[in-house]
Amino acid sequence: MPWKITSDPHEHAAAVLPLLRSDPQRHTLALTVLESLQDGHAYSAESPLFAHWTDSRGTVCGAAVHTPPHELLLSTAPAHSIAPLAEALYEAGHAVGGIHAARSAAETFARRHAELTGAAWRTFARHRLYRLRTLLPPEPAPTGRARLATGADRALLREWLDAFRRTTGQINADLERDVDRGLRRGAYVLWEDPRSGTAGPVSMAGRTEPAFGTVRIGPLFTPAEHRRRGYGAAVVAAASSMALADGAQGVVLFADLDNPTSNHIYQRLGYAPVEDRLIVHFA
């Protein structure tokens, strides 16, 4: 059956939530985006677009959402439906600047998109999704302690989040708003070490609100002068522990596959790989 395309987040949610809820850790991005849109959050002035694929038995088994200026987010879909998704968007006159999907799906979509539009494509980032099995605090642990960020940390958070997004090339339409929203809901965990020589935090981990029991850790940032001291591992462990203490049924995070050190650290903390995903950009 063809992809069903809509601009109504509530219509889309009614169709795809059974699929996404079946594995909320794997589908963490789609669930948080969908909940945000249903709550009235706007990623930009351009309206989002949603798509779902239904198989011959009437079961929804594919879900995608596009929130410009971000890439098309393809949560999951059967292999034979990926090229038809590119075709459906092309026929609808809906342009996408990239796709975020599992490796094979991203490449299949990119190839078909290139055939239809003539646009070149390149891999922008390679990520691995991890889920927490059993939390293993770092040993040896660095000196210091974790705490939640407060309003007094607002300027520092803005500086660090801006640096993180410039380093990773991520898009942020309203950094000020995101910082304020995160502070209101206790999203930022900071690590402080009085022996570091810095009068203030030395590392940060963000965390999302639970989406069907799953919390996603990130963004993660440690200034260059404080790296290789164990602060990043400590603050990730602290944020993960706080999420579990607050009742999260699952904790996940994404790691850049081009950074083998961080991938090794997360596995030492008890995180296990789930799937590899690509972010592909179109010219």
C-alpha atoms as a PDB file:
ATOM      1  CA  MET A   1       0.000   0.000   0.000  1.00  0.00           C
ATOM      2  CA  PRO A   2       1.210   3.585  -0.614  1.00  0.00           C
ATOM      3  CA  TRP A   3       2.553   5.958   2.026  1.00  0.00           C
ATOM      4  CA  LYS A   4      -0.130   8.033   3.724  1.00  0.00           C
ATOM      5  CA  ILE A   5       1.024  11.660   3.998  1.00  0.00           C
ATOM      6  CA  THR A   6      -0.558  14.199   6.344  1.00  0.00           C
ATOM      7  CA  SER A   7       0.183  17.502   8.063  1.00  0.00           C
ATOM      8  CA  ASP A   8      -1.888  16.596  11.143  1.00  0.00           C
ATOM      9  CA  PRO A   9       0.246  15.353  14.075  1.00  0.00           C
ATOM     10  CA  HIS A  10      -2.785  13.918  15.857  1.00  0.00           C
ATOM     11  CA  GLU A  11      -3.862  11.892  12.825  1.00  0.00           C
ATOM     12  CA  HIS A  12      -0.295  10.632  12.456  1.00  0.00           C
ATOM     13  CA  ALA A  13      -0.018   9.777  16.154  1.00  0.00           C
ATOM     14  CA  ALA A  14      -3.210   7.729  16.053  1.00  0.00           C
ATOM     15  CA  ALA A  15      -1.755   5.678  13.199  1.00  0.00           C
ATOM     16  CA  VAL A  16       1.844   5.174  14.328  1.00  0.00           C
ATOM     17  CA  LEU A  17       1.876   5.173  18.141  1.00  0.00           C
ATOM     18  CA  PRO A  18       1.216   1.416  18.419  1.00  0.00           C
ATOM     19  CA  LEU A  19       4.281   0.846  16.237  1.00  0.00           C
ATOM     20  CA  LEU A  20       6.508   3.346  18.056  1.00  0.00           C
ATOM     21  CA  ARG A  21       5.388   2.224  21.515  1.00  0.00           C
ATOM     22  CA  SER A  22       6.350  -1.355  20.678  1.00  0.00           C
ATOM     23  CA  ASP A  23       9.991  -0.327  21.192  1.00  0.00           C
ATOM     24  CA  PRO A  24      10.144   3.160  22.743  1.00  0.00           C
ATOM     25  CA  GLN A  25      13.906   2.965  23.190  1.00  0.00           C
ATOM     26  CA  ARG A  26      14.601   2.295  19.510  1.00  0.00           C
ATOM     27  CA  HIS A  27      12.062   4.940  18.485  1.00  0.00           C
ATOM     28  CA  THR A  28      13.122   7.538  21.051  1.00  0.00           C
ATOM     29  CA  LEU A  29      13.612  10.352  18.531  1.00  0.00           C
ATOM     30  CA  ALA A  30      10.256   9.922  16.812  1.00  0.00           C
ATOM     31  CA  LEU A  31       8.379   9.722  20.111  1.00  0.00           C
ATOM     32  CA  THR A  32       9.923  12.862  21.550  1.00  0.00           C
ATOM     33  CA  VAL A  33       9.374  14.795  18.305  1.00  0.00           C
ATOM     34  CA  LEU A  34       5.763  13.653  18.042  1.00  0.00           C
ATOM     35  CA  GLU A  35       4.981  14.475  21.674  1.00  0.00           C
ATOM     36  CA  SER A  36       6.540  17.902  21.233  1.00  0.00           C
ATOM     37  CA  LEU A  37       4.468  18.638  18.132  1.00  0.00           C
ATOM     38  CA  GLN A  38       1.258  17.450  19.771  1.00  0.00           C
ATOM     39  CA  ASP A  39       1.998  19.843  22.650  1.00  0.00           C
ATOM     40  CA  GLY A  40       2.134  22.723  20.184  1.00  0.00           C
ATOM     41  CA  HIS A  41       5.893  23.136  19.802  1.00  0.00           C
ATOM     42  CA  ALA A  42       6.991  24.523  16.428  1.00  0.00           C
ATOM     43  CA  TYR A  43      10.441  23.712  15.059  1.00  0.00           C
ATOM     44  CA  SER A  44      10.172  26.512  12.497  1.00  0.00           C
ATOM     45  CA  ALA A  45       7.607  28.590  10.646  1.00  0.00           C
ATOM     46  CA  GLU A  46       7.326  25.795   8.054  1.00  0.00           C
ATOM     47  CA  SER A  47       4.713  23.154   8.837  1.00  0.00           C
ATOM     48  CA  PRO A  48       5.841  19.601   9.594  1.00  0.00           C
ATOM     49  CA  LEU A  49       4.882  16.662   7.422  1.00  0.00           C
ATOM     50  CA  PHE A  50       4.133  13.093   8.506  1.00  0.00           C
ATOM     51  CA  ALA A  51       4.008   9.782   6.665  1.00  0.00           C
ATOM     52  CA  HIS A  52       3.155   6.195   7.565  1.00  0.00           C
ATOM     53  CA  TRP A  53       3.237   2.941   5.637  1.00  0.00           C
ATOM     54  CA  THR A  54       0.576   0.255   5.976  1.00  0.00           C
ATOM     55  CA  ASP A  55       1.187  -3.295   4.797  1.00  0.00           C
ATOM     56  CA  SER A  56      -1.252  -5.514   2.902  1.00  0.00           C
ATOM     57  CA  ARG A  57      -2.742  -6.769   6.188  1.00  0.00           C
ATOM     58  CA  GLY A  58      -3.565  -3.248   7.332  1.00  0.00           C
ATOM     59  CA  THR A  59      -0.752  -3.045   9.880  1.00  0.00           C
ATOM     60  CA  VAL A  60       1.193   0.203  10.154  1.00  0.00           C
ATOM     61  CA  CYS A  61       4.872  -0.747   9.919  1.00  0.00           C
ATOM     62  CA  GLY A  62       6.568   2.448   8.725  1.00  0.00           C
ATOM     63  CA  ALA A  63       6.742   5.943  10.212  1.00  0.00           C
ATOM     64  CA  ALA A  64       8.460   9.165   9.160  1.00  0.00           C
ATOM     65  CA  VAL A  65       8.280  12.817  10.160  1.00  0.00           C
ATOM     66  CA  HIS A  66       9.822  15.934   8.644  1.00  0.00           C
ATOM     67  CA  THR A  67      10.228  19.033  10.811  1.00  0.00           C
ATOM     68  CA  PRO A  68      12.031  21.651   8.694  1.00  0.00           C
ATOM     69  CA  PRO A  69      14.798  22.756   8.848  1.00  0.00           C
ATOM     70  CA  HIS A  70      15.779  19.313  10.181  1.00  0.00           C
ATOM     71  CA  GLU A  71      16.271  16.151   8.150  1.00  0.00           C
ATOM     72  CA  LEU A  72      13.458  13.736   7.402  1.00  0.00           C
ATOM     73  CA  LEU A  73      13.350  11.360  10.377  1.00  0.00           C
ATOM     74  CA  LEU A  74      12.549   7.804   9.317  1.00  0.00           C
ATOM     75  CA  SER A  75      11.978   5.709  12.424  1.00  0.00           C
ATOM     76  CA  THR A  76      11.400   2.387  10.747  1.00  0.00           C
ATOM     77  CA  ALA A  77       9.911   0.946   7.576  1.00  0.00           C
ATOM     78  CA  PRO A  78      10.117  -2.254   5.507  1.00  0.00           C
ATOM     79  CA  ALA A  79      13.010  -2.276   3.062  1.00  0.00           C
ATOM     80  CA  HIS A  80      10.691  -2.404   0.044  1.00  0.00           C
ATOM     81  CA  SER A  81       8.908   0.786   1.162  1.00  0.00           C
ATOM     82  CA  ILE A  82      11.952   3.080   1.338  1.00  0.00           C
ATOM     83  CA  ALA A  83      12.200   4.019  -2.347  1.00  0.00           C
ATOM     84  CA  PRO A  84       8.407   4.555  -2.527  1.00  0.00           C
ATOM     85  CA  LEU A  85       8.749   7.049   0.354  1.00  0.00           C
ATOM     86  CA  ALA A  86      11.162   9.131  -1.719  1.00  0.00           C
ATOM     87  CA  GLU A  87       8.746   8.876  -4.631  1.00  0.00           C
ATOM     88  CA  ALA A  88       5.731   9.879  -2.535  1.00  0.00           C
ATOM     89  CA  LEU A  89       7.464  12.981  -1.190  1.00  0.00           C
ATOM     90  CA  TYR A  90       8.691  13.925  -4.658  1.00  0.00           C
ATOM     91  CA  GLU A  91       5.214  13.538  -6.154  1.00  0.00           C
ATOM     92  CA  ALA A  92       3.768  15.631  -3.323  1.00  0.00           C
ATOM     93  CA  GLY A  93       6.255  18.393  -4.109  1.00  0.00           C
ATOM     94  CA  HIS A  94       7.734  18.198  -0.629  1.00  0.00           C
ATOM     95  CA  ALA A  95      11.467  18.922  -0.527  1.00  0.00           C
ATOM     96  CA  VAL A  96      13.737  17.451   2.128  1.00  0.00           C
ATOM     97  CA  GLY A  97      17.299  18.514   2.785  1.00  0.00           C
ATOM     98  CA  GLY A  98      18.391  15.188   4.230  1.00  0.00           C
ATOM     99  CA  ILE A  99      17.365  12.016   5.990  1.00  0.00           C
ATOM    100  CA  HIS A 100      18.066  10.495   9.405  1.00  0.00           C
ATOM    101  CA  ALA A 101      17.511   6.739   9.315  1.00  0.00           C
ATOM    102  CA  ALA A 102      19.035   3.329   9.849  1.00  0.00           C
ATOM    103  CA  ARG A 103      22.083   2.906   7.627  1.00  0.00           C
ATOM    104  CA  SER A 104      20.601   0.807   4.805  1.00  0.00           C
ATOM    105  CA  ALA A 105      17.343   2.768   4.753  1.00  0.00           C
ATOM    106  CA  ALA A 106      19.164   6.105   4.585  1.00  0.00           C
ATOM    107  CA  GLU A 107      21.304   4.951   1.674  1.00  0.00           C
ATOM    108  CA  THR A 108      18.336   3.472  -0.214  1.00  0.00           C
ATOM    109  CA  PHE A 109      16.309   6.652   0.208  1.00  0.00           C
ATOM    110  CA  ALA A 110      19.267   8.833  -0.804  1.00  0.00           C
ATOM    111  CA  ARG A 111      19.882   6.875  -3.989  1.00  0.00           C
ATOM    112  CA  ARG A 112      16.220   7.069  -5.043  1.00  0.00           C
ATOM    113  CA  HIS A 113      16.014  10.743  -4.093  1.00  0.00           C
ATOM    114  CA  ALA A 114      19.073  11.419  -6.255  1.00  0.00           C
ATOM    115  CA  GLU A 115      17.488   9.582  -9.214  1.00  0.00           C
ATOM    116  CA  LEU A 116      14.326  11.666  -8.904  1.00  0.00           C
ATOM    117  CA  THR A 117      15.829  15.088  -8.227  1.00  0.00           C
ATOM    118  CA  GLY A 118      19.380  14.914  -9.534  1.00  0.00           C
ATOM    119  CA  ALA A 119      20.604  16.070  -6.122  1.00  0.00           C
ATOM    120  CA  ALA A 120      23.932  14.755  -4.903  1.00  0.00           C
ATOM    121  CA  TRP A 121      24.101  13.318  -1.411  1.00  0.00           C
ATOM    122  CA  ARG A 122      26.722  12.787   1.246  1.00  0.00           C
ATOM    123  CA  THR A 123      26.895  11.198   4.674  1.00  0.00           C
ATOM    124  CA  PHE A 124      26.897  14.000   7.232  1.00  0.00           C
ATOM    125  CA  ALA A 125      27.155  11.889  10.411  1.00  0.00           C
ATOM    126  CA  ARG A 126      27.230   8.262  11.562  1.00  0.00           C
ATOM    127  CA  HIS A 127      25.552   7.584  14.895  1.00  0.00           C
ATOM    128  CA  ARG A 128      25.046   4.522  17.074  1.00  0.00           C
ATOM    129  CA  LEU A 129      22.044   4.230  19.356  1.00  0.00           C
ATOM    130  CA  TYR A 130      22.761   2.647  22.752  1.00  0.00           C
ATOM    131  CA  ARG A 131      20.387   1.486  25.460  1.00  0.00           C
ATOM    132  CA  LEU A 132      21.347   1.114  29.103  1.00  0.00           C
ATOM    133  CA  ARG A 133      21.446  -2.450  30.404  1.00  0.00           C
ATOM    134  CA  THR A 134      22.895  -2.111  33.911  1.00  0.00           C
ATOM    135  CA  LEU A 135      24.485   1.153  35.017  1.00  0.00           C
ATOM    136  CA  LEU A 136      28.156   0.715  35.920  1.00  0.00           C
ATOM    137  CA  PRO A 137      29.541   3.933  37.452  1.00  0.00           C
ATOM    138  CA  PRO A 138      33.053   4.795  36.237  1.00  0.00           C
ATOM    139  CA  GLU A 139      35.967   3.309  38.138  1.00  0.00           C
ATOM    140  CA  PRO A 140      37.997   5.093  39.217  1.00  0.00           C
ATOM    141  CA  ALA A 141      35.554   7.981  39.523  1.00  0.00           C
ATOM    142  CA  PRO A 142      36.853  11.520  39.111  1.00  0.00           C
ATOM    143  CA  THR A 143      36.691  13.891  42.035  1.00  0.00           C
ATOM    144  CA  GLY A 144      33.681  16.152  42.265  1.00  0.00           C
ATOM    145  CA  ARG A 145      29.926  15.751  42.235  1.00  0.00           C
ATOM    146  CA  ALA A 146      26.886  16.087  39.996  1.00  0.00           C
ATOM    147  CA  ARG A 147      24.086  18.599  40.411  1.00  0.00           C
ATOM    148  CA  LEU A 148      21.146  19.916  38.422  1.00  0.00           C
ATOM    149  CA  ALA A 149      21.658  23.192  36.604  1.00  0.00           C
ATOM    150  CA  THR A 150      19.839  26.265  37.914  1.00  0.00           C
ATOM    151  CA  GLY A 151      19.033  29.668  36.540  1.00  0.00           C
ATOM    152  CA  ALA A 152      22.450  30.851  37.698  1.00  0.00           C
ATOM    153  CA  ASP A 153      23.970  28.526  35.071  1.00  0.00           C
ATOM    154  CA  ARG A 154      21.947  29.949  32.195  1.00  0.00           C
ATOM    155  CA  ALA A 155      24.782  31.856  30.507  1.00  0.00           C
ATOM    156  CA  LEU A 156      27.141  28.879  30.791  1.00  0.00           C
ATOM    157  CA  LEU A 157      24.538  26.499  29.372  1.00  0.00           C
ATOM    158  CA  ARG A 158      23.916  28.790  26.430  1.00  0.00           C
ATOM    159  CA  GLU A 159      27.660  28.993  25.751  1.00  0.00           C
ATOM    160  CA  TRP A 160      28.161  25.238  25.987  1.00  0.00           C
ATOM    161  CA  LEU A 161      25.087  24.303  23.956  1.00  0.00           C
ATOM    162  CA  ASP A 162      26.064  26.787  21.272  1.00  0.00           C
ATOM    163  CA  ALA A 163      29.583  25.299  21.186  1.00  0.00           C
ATOM    164  CA  PHE A 164      28.155  21.763  21.021  1.00  0.00           C
ATOM    165  CA  ARG A 165      25.884  22.575  18.122  1.00  0.00           C
ATOM    166  CA  ARG A 166      28.554  24.439  16.200  1.00  0.00           C
ATOM    167  CA  THR A 167      30.947  21.510  16.681  1.00  0.00           C
ATOM    168  CA  THR A 168      28.427  18.877  15.601  1.00  0.00           C
ATOM    169  CA  GLY A 169      26.747  20.961  12.902  1.00  0.00           C
ATOM    170  CA  GLN A 170      23.337  20.548  14.476  1.00  0.00           C
ATOM    171  CA  ILE A 171      20.542  22.995  13.726  1.00  0.00           C
ATOM    172  CA  ASN A 172      18.951  25.010  16.495  1.00  0.00           C
ATOM    173  CA  ALA A 173      16.235  27.514  15.678  1.00  0.00           C
ATOM    174  CA  ASP A 174      15.925  29.031  19.162  1.00  0.00           C
ATOM    175  CA  LEU A 175      18.753  28.290  21.590  1.00  0.00           C
ATOM    176  CA  GLU A 176      17.482  30.747  24.212  1.00  0.00           C
ATOM    177  CA  ARG A 177      14.089  29.050  24.303  1.00  0.00           C
ATOM    178  CA  ASP A 178      15.624  25.590  24.533  1.00  0.00           C
ATOM    179  CA  VAL A 179      17.837  26.596  27.457  1.00  0.00           C
ATOM    180  CA  ASP A 180      14.903  28.116  29.336  1.00  0.00           C
ATOM    181  CA  ARG A 181      12.677  25.069  28.709  1.00  0.00           C
ATOM    182  CA  GLY A 182      15.433  22.739  29.833  1.00  0.00           C
ATOM    183  CA  LEU A 183      16.035  24.681  33.038  1.00  0.00           C
ATOM    184  CA  ARG A 184      12.337  24.631  33.910  1.00  0.00           C
ATOM    185  CA  ARG A 185      12.172  20.845  33.686  1.00  0.00           C
ATOM    186  CA  GLY A 186      15.564  20.007  35.198  1.00  0.00           C
ATOM    187  CA  ALA A 187      17.044  18.751  31.943  1.00  0.00           C
ATOM    188  CA  TYR A 188      20.704  19.664  32.520  1.00  0.00           C
ATOM    189  CA  VAL A 189      23.070  17.778  34.811  1.00  0.00           C
ATOM    190  CA  LEU A 190      26.420  19.409  35.589  1.00  0.00           C
ATOM    191  CA  TRP A 191      29.625  18.000  37.058  1.00  0.00           C
ATOM    192  CA  GLU A 192      31.688  20.161  39.375  1.00  0.00           C
ATOM    193  CA  ASP A 193      35.181  19.436  40.670  1.00  0.00           C
ATOM    194  CA  PRO A 194      36.697  21.861  43.187  1.00  0.00           C
ATOM    195  CA  ARG A 195      40.126  20.439  42.340  1.00  0.00           C
ATOM    196  CA  SER A 196      39.844  21.245  38.655  1.00  0.00           C
ATOM    197  CA  GLY A 197      41.072  24.803  39.064  1.00  0.00           C
ATOM    198  CA  THR A 198      37.763  26.068  37.641  1.00  0.00           C
ATOM    199  CA  ALA A 199      35.225  27.868  39.778  1.00  0.00           C
ATOM    200  CA  GLY A 200      32.195  26.176  38.272  1.00  0.00           C
ATOM    201  CA  PRO A 201      31.016  23.179  36.233  1.00  0.00           C
ATOM    202  CA  VAL A 202      33.431  21.189  34.085  1.00  0.00           C
ATOM    203  CA  SER A 203      31.012  18.970  32.121  1.00  0.00           C
ATOM    204  CA  MET A 204      27.330  18.712  31.158  1.00  0.00           C
ATOM    205  CA  ALA A 205      24.773  16.102  30.158  1.00  0.00           C
ATOM    206  CA  GLY A 206      21.254  16.878  29.055  1.00  0.00           C
ATOM    207  CA  ARG A 207      18.291  14.532  29.356  1.00  0.00           C
ATOM    208  CA  THR A 208      14.875  14.476  27.739  1.00  0.00           C
ATOM    209  CA  GLU A 209      11.554  14.120  29.482  1.00  0.00           C
ATOM    210  CA  PRO A 210      10.335  10.512  29.502  1.00  0.00           C
ATOM    211  CA  ALA A 211       8.582   9.451  26.305  1.00  0.00           C
ATOM    212  CA  PHE A 212       6.622   6.296  27.077  1.00  0.00           C
ATOM    213  CA  GLY A 213       9.076   5.494  29.845  1.00  0.00           C
ATOM    214  CA  THR A 214      12.291   6.215  27.925  1.00  0.00           C
ATOM    215  CA  VAL A 215      14.731   9.045  28.675  1.00  0.00           C
ATOM    216  CA  ARG A 216      17.415  10.011  26.170  1.00  0.00           C
ATOM    217  CA  ILE A 217      20.707  11.372  27.490  1.00  0.00           C
ATOM    218  CA  GLY A 218      22.145  14.297  25.531  1.00  0.00           C
ATOM    219  CA  PRO A 219      23.498  16.662  24.491  1.00  0.00           C
ATOM    220  CA  LEU A 220      26.860  15.942  26.114  1.00  0.00           C
ATOM    221  CA  PHE A 221      29.596  18.533  26.372  1.00  0.00           C
ATOM    222  CA  THR A 222      32.941  18.907  28.125  1.00  0.00           C
ATOM    223  CA  PRO A 223      35.148  21.930  27.314  1.00  0.00           C
ATOM    224  CA  ALA A 224      38.451  20.996  25.712  1.00  0.00           C
ATOM    225  CA  GLU A 225      40.492  22.024  28.751  1.00  0.00           C
ATOM    226  CA  HIS A 226      38.605  19.552  30.959  1.00  0.00           C
ATOM    227  CA  ARG A 227      38.624  16.502  28.696  1.00  0.00           C
ATOM    228  CA  ARG A 228      40.429  13.200  29.371  1.00  0.00           C
ATOM    229  CA  ARG A 229      39.816  13.518  33.115  1.00  0.00           C
ATOM    230  CA  GLY A 230      36.758  11.276  33.378  1.00  0.00           C
ATOM    231  CA  TYR A 231      34.261  14.115  33.788  1.00  0.00           C
ATOM    232  CA  GLY A 232      32.237  13.187  30.713  1.00  0.00           C
ATOM    233  CA  ALA A 233      31.771   9.583  31.848  1.00  0.00           C
ATOM    234  CA  ALA A 234      30.895  10.747  35.366  1.00  0.00           C
ATOM    235  CA  VAL A 235      28.225  13.202  34.253  1.00  0.00           C
ATOM    236  CA  VAL A 236      26.670  10.678  31.836  1.00  0.00           C
ATOM    237  CA  ALA A 237      26.513   8.128  34.644  1.00  0.00           C
ATOM    238  CA  ALA A 238      24.990  10.730  36.972  1.00  0.00           C
ATOM    239  CA  ALA A 239      22.351  11.787  34.435  1.00  0.00           C
ATOM    240  CA  SER A 240      21.515   8.133  33.738  1.00  0.00           C
ATOM    241  CA  SER A 241      21.201   7.415  37.460  1.00  0.00           C
ATOM    242  CA  MET A 242      18.918  10.428  37.959  1.00  0.00           C
ATOM    243  CA  ALA A 243      16.694   9.292  35.093  1.00  0.00           C
ATOM    244  CA  LEU A 244      16.335   5.835  36.646  1.00  0.00           C
ATOM    245  CA  ALA A 245      15.681   7.321  40.083  1.00  0.00           C
ATOM    246  CA  ASP A 246      12.930   9.475  38.568  1.00  0.00           C
ATOM    247  CA  GLY A 247      11.205   6.344  37.257  1.00  0.00           C
ATOM    248  CA  ALA A 248      12.507   5.920  33.711  1.00  0.00           C
ATOM    249  CA  GLN A 249      11.945   2.412  32.398  1.00  0.00           C
ATOM    250  CA  GLY A 250      14.701   2.793  29.822  1.00  0.00           C
ATOM    251  CA  VAL A 251      17.635   5.128  29.170  1.00  0.00           C
ATOM    252  CA  VAL A 252      19.258   5.612  25.776  1.00  0.00           C
ATOM    253  CA  LEU A 253      21.834   7.817  24.091  1.00  0.00           C
ATOM    254  CA  PHE A 254      23.419   8.379  20.691  1.00  0.00           C
ATOM    255  CA  ALA A 255      27.166   8.305  20.053  1.00  0.00           C
ATOM    256  CA  ASP A 256      29.172   9.545  17.098  1.00  0.00           C
ATOM    257  CA  LEU A 257      30.738   6.504  15.436  1.00  0.00           C
ATOM    258  CA  ASP A 258      33.686   8.659  14.388  1.00  0.00           C
ATOM    259  CA  ASN A 259      34.557   9.056  18.084  1.00  0.00           C
ATOM    260  CA  PRO A 260      35.699   5.592  19.250  1.00  0.00           C
ATOM    261  CA  THR A 261      36.618   6.910  22.705  1.00  0.00           C
ATOM    262  CA  SER A 262      33.076   7.950  23.579  1.00  0.00           C
ATOM    263  CA  ASN A 263      31.662   4.672  22.236  1.00  0.00           C
ATOM    264  CA  HIS A 264      34.074   2.740  24.457  1.00  0.00           C
ATOM    265  CA  ILE A 265      33.164   4.847  27.490  1.00  0.00           C
ATOM    266  CA  TYR A 266      29.425   4.338  27.056  1.00  0.00           C
ATOM    267  CA  GLN A 267      29.836   0.580  26.829  1.00  0.00           C
ATOM    268  CA  ARG A 268      31.943   0.611  29.996  1.00  0.00           C
ATOM    269  CA  LEU A 269      29.065   2.433  31.711  1.00  0.00           C
ATOM    270  CA  GLY A 270      26.677  -0.378  30.789  1.00  0.00           C
ATOM    271  CA  TYR A 271      25.236   0.828  27.491  1.00  0.00           C
ATOM    272  CA  ALA A 272      24.721  -1.727  24.700  1.00  0.00           C
ATOM    273  CA  PRO A 273      24.400  -1.026  20.946  1.00  0.00           C
ATOM    274  CA  VAL A 274      20.931  -1.046  19.392  1.00  0.00           C
ATOM    275  CA  GLU A 275      21.403   0.155  15.802  1.00  0.00           C
ATOM    276  CA  ASP A 276      23.555   2.350  13.603  1.00  0.00           C
ATOM    277  CA  ARG A 277      21.996   5.351  11.874  1.00  0.00           C
ATOM    278  CA  LEU A 278      23.126   7.783   9.214  1.00  0.00           C
ATOM    279  CA  ILE A 279      22.362  11.432   8.719  1.00  0.00           C
ATOM    280  CA  VAL A 280      22.536  12.093   4.976  1.00  0.00           C
ATOM    281  CA  HIS A 281      22.416  15.562   3.438  1.00  0.00           C
ATOM    282  CA  PHE A 282      21.337  16.429  -0.093  1.00  0.00           C
ATOM    283  CA  ALA A 283      22.972  19.127  -2.197  1.00  0.00           C
END
